C-alpha atoms as a PDB file:
ATOM      1  CA  UNK A   1     105.694  94.804 135.362  1.00  0.00           C
ATOM      2  CA  UNK A   2     102.119  93.782 134.862  1.00  0.00           C
ATOM      3  CA  UNK A   3     100.932  92.138 131.658  1.00  0.00           C
ATOM      4  CA  UNK A   4      99.410  95.321 130.237  1.00  0.00           C
ATOM      5  CA  UNK A   5     102.708  97.143 130.827  1.00  0.00           C
ATOM      6  CA  UNK A   6     104.620  94.485 128.871  1.00  0.00           C
ATOM      7  CA  UNK A   7     102.015  94.715 126.148  1.00  0.00           C
ATOM      8  CA  UNK A   8     102.227  98.519 126.025  1.00  0.00           C
ATOM      9  CA  UNK A   9     106.031  98.405 125.906  1.00  0.00           C
ATOM     10  CA  UNK A  10     105.993  95.819 123.123  1.00  0.00           C
ATOM     11  CA  UNK A  11     103.473  97.818 121.101  1.00  0.00           C
ATOM     12  CA  UNK A  12     105.699 100.919 121.302  1.00  0.00           C
ATOM     13  CA  UNK A  13     108.786  98.892 120.378  1.00  0.00           C
ATOM     14  CA  UNK A  14     106.947  97.219 117.507  1.00  0.00           C
ATOM     15  CA  UNK A  15     105.793 100.584 116.168  1.00  0.00           C
ATOM     16  CA  UNK A  16     109.342 101.937 116.279  1.00  0.00           C
ATOM     17  CA  UNK A  17     110.730  98.838 114.535  1.00  0.00           C
ATOM     18  CA  UNK A  18     108.042  98.992 111.820  1.00  0.00           C
ATOM     19  CA  UNK A  19     108.790 102.640 111.101  1.00  0.00           C
ATOM     20  CA  UNK A  20     112.523 101.902 111.018  1.00  0.00           C
ATOM     21  CA  UNK A  21     111.912  98.998 108.613  1.00  0.00           C
ATOM     22  CA  UNK A  22     110.492 101.539 106.146  1.00  0.00           C
ATOM     23  CA  UNK A  23     112.890 104.432 106.741  1.00  0.00           C
ATOM     24  CA  UNK A  24     116.238 102.642 107.095  1.00  0.00           C
ATOM     25  CA  UNK A  25     116.259 100.920 103.670  1.00  0.00           C
ATOM     26  CA  UNK A  26     115.301 104.206 101.989  1.00  0.00           C
ATOM     27  CA  UNK A  27     118.115 105.983 103.796  1.00  0.00           C
ATOM     28  CA  UNK A  28     120.633 103.267 102.925  1.00  0.00           C
ATOM     29  CA  UNK A  29     119.618 103.416  99.253  1.00  0.00           C
ATOM     30  CA  UNK A  30     119.966 107.186  99.028  1.00  0.00           C
ATOM     31  CA  UNK A  31     122.841 108.037  96.672  1.00  0.00           C
ATOM     32  CA  UNK A  32     124.152 110.824  98.898  1.00  0.00           C
ATOM     33  CA  UNK A  33     124.145 108.970 102.201  1.00  0.00           C
ATOM     34  CA  UNK A  34     127.506 109.336 103.929  1.00  0.00           C
ATOM     35  CA  UNK A  35     129.548 106.862 105.915  1.00  0.00           C
ATOM     36  CA  UNK A  36     129.120 109.106 108.956  1.00  0.00           C
ATOM     37  CA  UNK A  37     125.329 108.981 108.628  1.00  0.00           C
ATOM     38  CA  UNK A  38     125.399 105.219 108.262  1.00  0.00           C
ATOM     39  CA  UNK A  39     127.690 104.888 111.279  1.00  0.00           C
ATOM     40  CA  UNK A  40     125.366 107.003 113.411  1.00  0.00           C
ATOM     41  CA  UNK A  41     122.368 105.039 112.170  1.00  0.00           C
ATOM     42  CA  UNK A  42     124.114 101.807 113.095  1.00  0.00           C
ATOM     43  CA  UNK A  43     124.719 103.193 116.591  1.00  0.00           C
ATOM     44  CA  UNK A  44     121.006 103.927 117.009  1.00  0.00           C
ATOM     45  CA  UNK A  45     120.089 100.479 115.739  1.00  0.00           C
ATOM     46  CA  UNK A  46     122.582  98.884 118.134  1.00  0.00           C
ATOM     47  CA  UNK A  47     120.982 100.846 120.990  1.00  0.00           C
ATOM     48  CA  UNK A  48     117.599  99.404 120.024  1.00  0.00           C
ATOM     49  CA  UNK A  49     119.043  95.888 119.875  1.00  0.00           C
ATOM     50  CA  UNK A  50     120.548  96.351 123.340  1.00  0.00           C
ATOM     51  CA  UNK A  51     117.292  97.744 124.710  1.00  0.00           C
ATOM     52  CA  UNK A  52     115.330  94.783 123.328  1.00  0.00           C
ATOM     53  CA  UNK A  53     117.916  92.368 124.701  1.00  0.00           C
ATOM     54  CA  UNK A  54     117.493  93.881 128.160  1.00  0.00           C
ATOM     55  CA  UNK A  55     113.717  93.790 127.810  1.00  0.00           C
ATOM     56  CA  UNK A  56     113.835  90.137 126.766  1.00  0.00           C
ATOM     57  CA  UNK A  57     115.975  89.238 129.778  1.00  0.00           C
ATOM     58  CA  UNK A  58     113.601  91.076 132.125  1.00  0.00           C
ATOM     59  CA  UNK A  59     110.601  89.371 130.559  1.00  0.00           C
ATOM     60  CA  UNK A  60     112.187  85.928 130.824  1.00  0.00           C
ATOM     61  CA  UNK A  61     113.133  86.540 134.467  1.00  0.00           C
ATOM     62  CA  UNK A  62     109.573  87.663 135.211  1.00  0.00           C
ATOM     63  CA  UNK A  63     108.132  84.526 133.639  1.00  0.00           C
ATOM     64  CA  UNK A  64     106.111  86.447 131.083  1.00  0.00           C
ATOM     65  CA  UNK A  65     103.759  84.530 128.799  1.00  0.00           C
ATOM     66  CA  UNK A  66     105.381  83.002 125.702  1.00  0.00           C
ATOM     67  CA  UNK A  67     103.216  85.133 123.414  1.00  0.00           C
ATOM     68  CA  UNK A  68     104.901  88.278 124.731  1.00  0.00           C
ATOM     69  CA  UNK A  69     108.346  86.681 124.552  1.00  0.00           C
ATOM     70  CA  UNK A  70     107.744  85.636 120.951  1.00  0.00           C
ATOM     71  CA  UNK A  71     106.694  89.187 120.078  1.00  0.00           C
ATOM     72  CA  UNK A  72     109.824  90.589 121.728  1.00  0.00           C
ATOM     73  CA  UNK A  73     112.017  88.111 119.822  1.00  0.00           C
ATOM     74  CA  UNK A  74     110.359  89.121 116.550  1.00  0.00           C
ATOM     75  CA  UNK A  75     111.043  92.802 117.222  1.00  0.00           C
ATOM     76  CA  UNK A  76     114.625  92.008 118.281  1.00  0.00           C
ATOM     77  CA  UNK A  77     115.139  90.051 115.045  1.00  0.00           C
ATOM     78  CA  UNK A  78     113.782  92.961 113.004  1.00  0.00           C
ATOM     79  CA  UNK A  79     116.399  95.267 114.542  1.00  0.00           C
ATOM     80  CA  UNK A  80     119.120  92.695 113.900  1.00  0.00           C
ATOM     81  CA  UNK A  81     118.070  92.513 110.259  1.00  0.00           C
ATOM     82  CA  UNK A  82     118.328  96.298 109.961  1.00  0.00           C
ATOM     83  CA  UNK A  83     121.764  96.175 111.601  1.00  0.00           C
ATOM     84  CA  UNK A  84     122.865  93.608 109.022  1.00  0.00           C
ATOM     85  CA  UNK A  85     121.611  95.763 106.126  1.00  0.00           C
ATOM     86  CA  UNK A  86     123.363  98.793 107.586  1.00  0.00           C
ATOM     87  CA  UNK A  87     126.625  96.862 107.941  1.00  0.00           C
ATOM     88  CA  UNK A  88     126.358  95.722 104.319  1.00  0.00           C
ATOM     89  CA  UNK A  89     125.920  99.317 103.179  1.00  0.00           C
ATOM     90  CA  UNK A  90     128.911 100.382 105.287  1.00  0.00           C
ATOM     91  CA  UNK A  91     131.048  97.808 103.522  1.00  0.00           C
ATOM     92  CA  UNK A  92     130.274  99.464 100.193  1.00  0.00           C
ATOM     93  CA  UNK A  93     132.238 102.483 101.406  1.00  0.00           C
ATOM     94  CA  UNK A  94     135.237 100.213 101.940  1.00  0.00           C
ATOM     95  CA  UNK A  95     135.343  99.366  98.243  1.00  0.00           C
ATOM     96  CA  UNK A  96     136.460 102.021  95.844  1.00  0.00           C
ATOM     97  CA  UNK A  97     137.082 102.195  92.117  1.00  0.00           C
ATOM     98  CA  UNK A  98     140.362 103.805  91.200  1.00  0.00           C
ATOM     99  CA  UNK A  99     141.086 105.120  87.711  1.00  0.00           C
ATOM    100  CA  UNK A 100     144.750 104.474  86.975  1.00  0.00           C
ATOM    101  CA  UNK A 101     144.890 105.922  83.470  1.00  0.00           C
ATOM    102  CA  UNK A 102     148.121 107.742  82.745  1.00  0.00           C
ATOM    103  CA  UNK A 103     147.682 111.454  82.155  1.00  0.00           C
ATOM    104  CA  UNK A 104     150.030 111.482  79.150  1.00  0.00           C
ATOM    105  CA  UNK A 105     149.989 108.279  77.181  1.00  0.00           C
ATOM    106  CA  UNK A 106     152.027 107.596  74.047  1.00  0.00           C
ATOM    107  CA  UNK A 107     151.559 103.851  74.129  1.00  0.00           C
ATOM    108  CA  UNK A 108     148.652 101.624  73.134  1.00  0.00           C
ATOM    109  CA  UNK A 109     147.608 101.161  76.734  1.00  0.00           C
ATOM    110  CA  UNK A 110     145.089 103.853  77.503  1.00  0.00           C
ATOM    111  CA  UNK A 111     144.984 102.831  81.123  1.00  0.00           C
ATOM    112  CA  UNK A 112     142.686 100.545  83.026  1.00  0.00           C
ATOM    113  CA  UNK A 113     140.113 100.980  85.715  1.00  0.00           C
ATOM    114  CA  UNK A 114     141.040  98.667  88.522  1.00  0.00           C
ATOM    115  CA  UNK A 115     138.786  97.545  91.330  1.00  0.00           C
ATOM    116  CA  UNK A 116     140.507  97.945  94.688  1.00  0.00           C
ATOM    117  CA  UNK A 117     139.213  96.542  97.901  1.00  0.00           C
ATOM    118  CA  UNK A 118     140.361  98.413 100.975  1.00  0.00           C
ATOM    119  CA  UNK A 119     140.509  96.208 104.033  1.00  0.00           C
END
């Protein structure tokens, strides 16, 4: 690829990563987001990480200027950060609060809410 092609590719990738950096946290914070949605989102993010990894390897093999490599690494790191945030949100689905109050209680113990971690 010629320099302007690398630059064009990086500009498109940067634009996509910037938009994702705004959208992904909002999606992860939404109270009705499902584990399935988060899993699919993580798959898309992983695809972007893989694509940037391939691009980085091609750029390094082509001996591209360090400025372009640094830009590609920055974009790659942005995707990795989003992957980390998505994984953290996924883990919240693994933790559940279980109410273990007895339905009919004649004793002083009115039940307890216990925090369970599902591994």
